[in-house]
N, C-alpha and C. Protein backbone atom coordinates (compact mmCIF):
# COMPACT_ATOMS: atom_id res chain seq x y z
N MET A 1 -3.35 -9.43 3.92
CA MET A 1 -2.26 -8.47 4.26
C MET A 1 -2.88 -7.19 4.83
N ASN A 2 -2.31 -6.72 5.91
CA ASN A 2 -2.83 -5.50 6.54
C ASN A 2 -2.36 -4.27 5.78
N ILE A 3 -3.29 -3.38 5.48
CA ILE A 3 -2.92 -2.16 4.75
C ILE A 3 -1.95 -1.33 5.58
N SER A 4 -2.13 -1.35 6.91
CA SER A 4 -1.25 -0.55 7.78
C SER A 4 0.20 -1.00 7.64
N LEU A 5 0.42 -2.31 7.69
CA LEU A 5 1.79 -2.83 7.55
C LEU A 5 2.32 -2.51 6.16
N PHE A 6 1.46 -2.64 5.16
CA PHE A 6 1.87 -2.36 3.79
C PHE A 6 2.24 -0.89 3.64
N ALA A 7 1.44 -0.02 4.26
CA ALA A 7 1.72 1.42 4.19
C ALA A 7 3.02 1.75 4.91
N ASN A 8 3.27 1.07 6.02
CA ASN A 8 4.51 1.31 6.76
C ASN A 8 5.71 0.89 5.92
N PHE A 9 5.54 -0.16 5.12
CA PHE A 9 6.62 -0.61 4.25
C PHE A 9 6.91 0.45 3.20
N TYR A 10 5.84 1.04 2.66
CA TYR A 10 6.00 2.08 1.64
C TYR A 10 5.60 3.42 2.25
N GLN A 11 6.42 3.91 3.16
CA GLN A 11 6.04 5.13 3.86
C GLN A 11 5.97 6.37 2.96
N PRO A 12 6.73 6.46 1.88
CA PRO A 12 6.62 7.64 1.02
C PRO A 12 5.17 7.94 0.67
N SER A 13 4.75 9.17 0.88
CA SER A 13 3.35 9.55 0.63
C SER A 13 3.02 9.52 -0.85
N GLN A 14 4.01 9.22 -1.69
CA GLN A 14 3.75 9.16 -3.13
C GLN A 14 2.71 8.09 -3.44
N LEU A 15 2.69 7.03 -2.61
CA LEU A 15 1.70 5.98 -2.84
C LEU A 15 0.35 6.41 -2.29
N THR A 16 -0.65 6.41 -3.17
CA THR A 16 -2.00 6.75 -2.74
C THR A 16 -2.71 5.49 -2.29
N THR A 17 -3.83 5.65 -1.62
CA THR A 17 -4.58 4.49 -1.14
C THR A 17 -4.99 3.62 -2.33
N GLU A 18 -5.30 4.26 -3.46
CA GLU A 18 -5.70 3.50 -4.65
C GLU A 18 -4.55 2.63 -5.13
N GLU A 19 -3.35 3.20 -5.15
CA GLU A 19 -2.18 2.44 -5.61
C GLU A 19 -1.90 1.29 -4.65
N ILE A 20 -2.07 1.54 -3.35
CA ILE A 20 -1.85 0.48 -2.36
C ILE A 20 -2.85 -0.65 -2.59
N GLU A 21 -4.11 -0.29 -2.88
CA GLU A 21 -5.12 -1.32 -3.13
C GLU A 21 -4.75 -2.14 -4.35
N ILE A 22 -4.25 -1.48 -5.40
CA ILE A 22 -3.84 -2.19 -6.62
C ILE A 22 -2.70 -3.14 -6.31
N LEU A 23 -1.73 -2.67 -5.53
CA LEU A 23 -0.58 -3.51 -5.19
C LEU A 23 -1.03 -4.71 -4.37
N THR A 24 -1.95 -4.48 -3.43
CA THR A 24 -2.42 -5.59 -2.60
C THR A 24 -3.18 -6.59 -3.46
N GLN A 25 -3.92 -6.10 -4.46
CA GLN A 25 -4.66 -7.01 -5.33
C GLN A 25 -3.69 -7.85 -6.15
N LYS A 26 -2.58 -7.26 -6.58
CA LYS A 26 -1.59 -8.01 -7.35
C LYS A 26 -0.98 -9.11 -6.50
N HIS A 27 -0.75 -8.82 -5.23
CA HIS A 27 -0.18 -9.83 -4.34
C HIS A 27 -1.29 -10.77 -3.87
């Protein structure tokens, strides 16, 4: 999964890169 697409899905800046990495690991 591309982080860019994932970030676009969750555009709110509340999500940090660390949280995005955790979410991608869960998926």
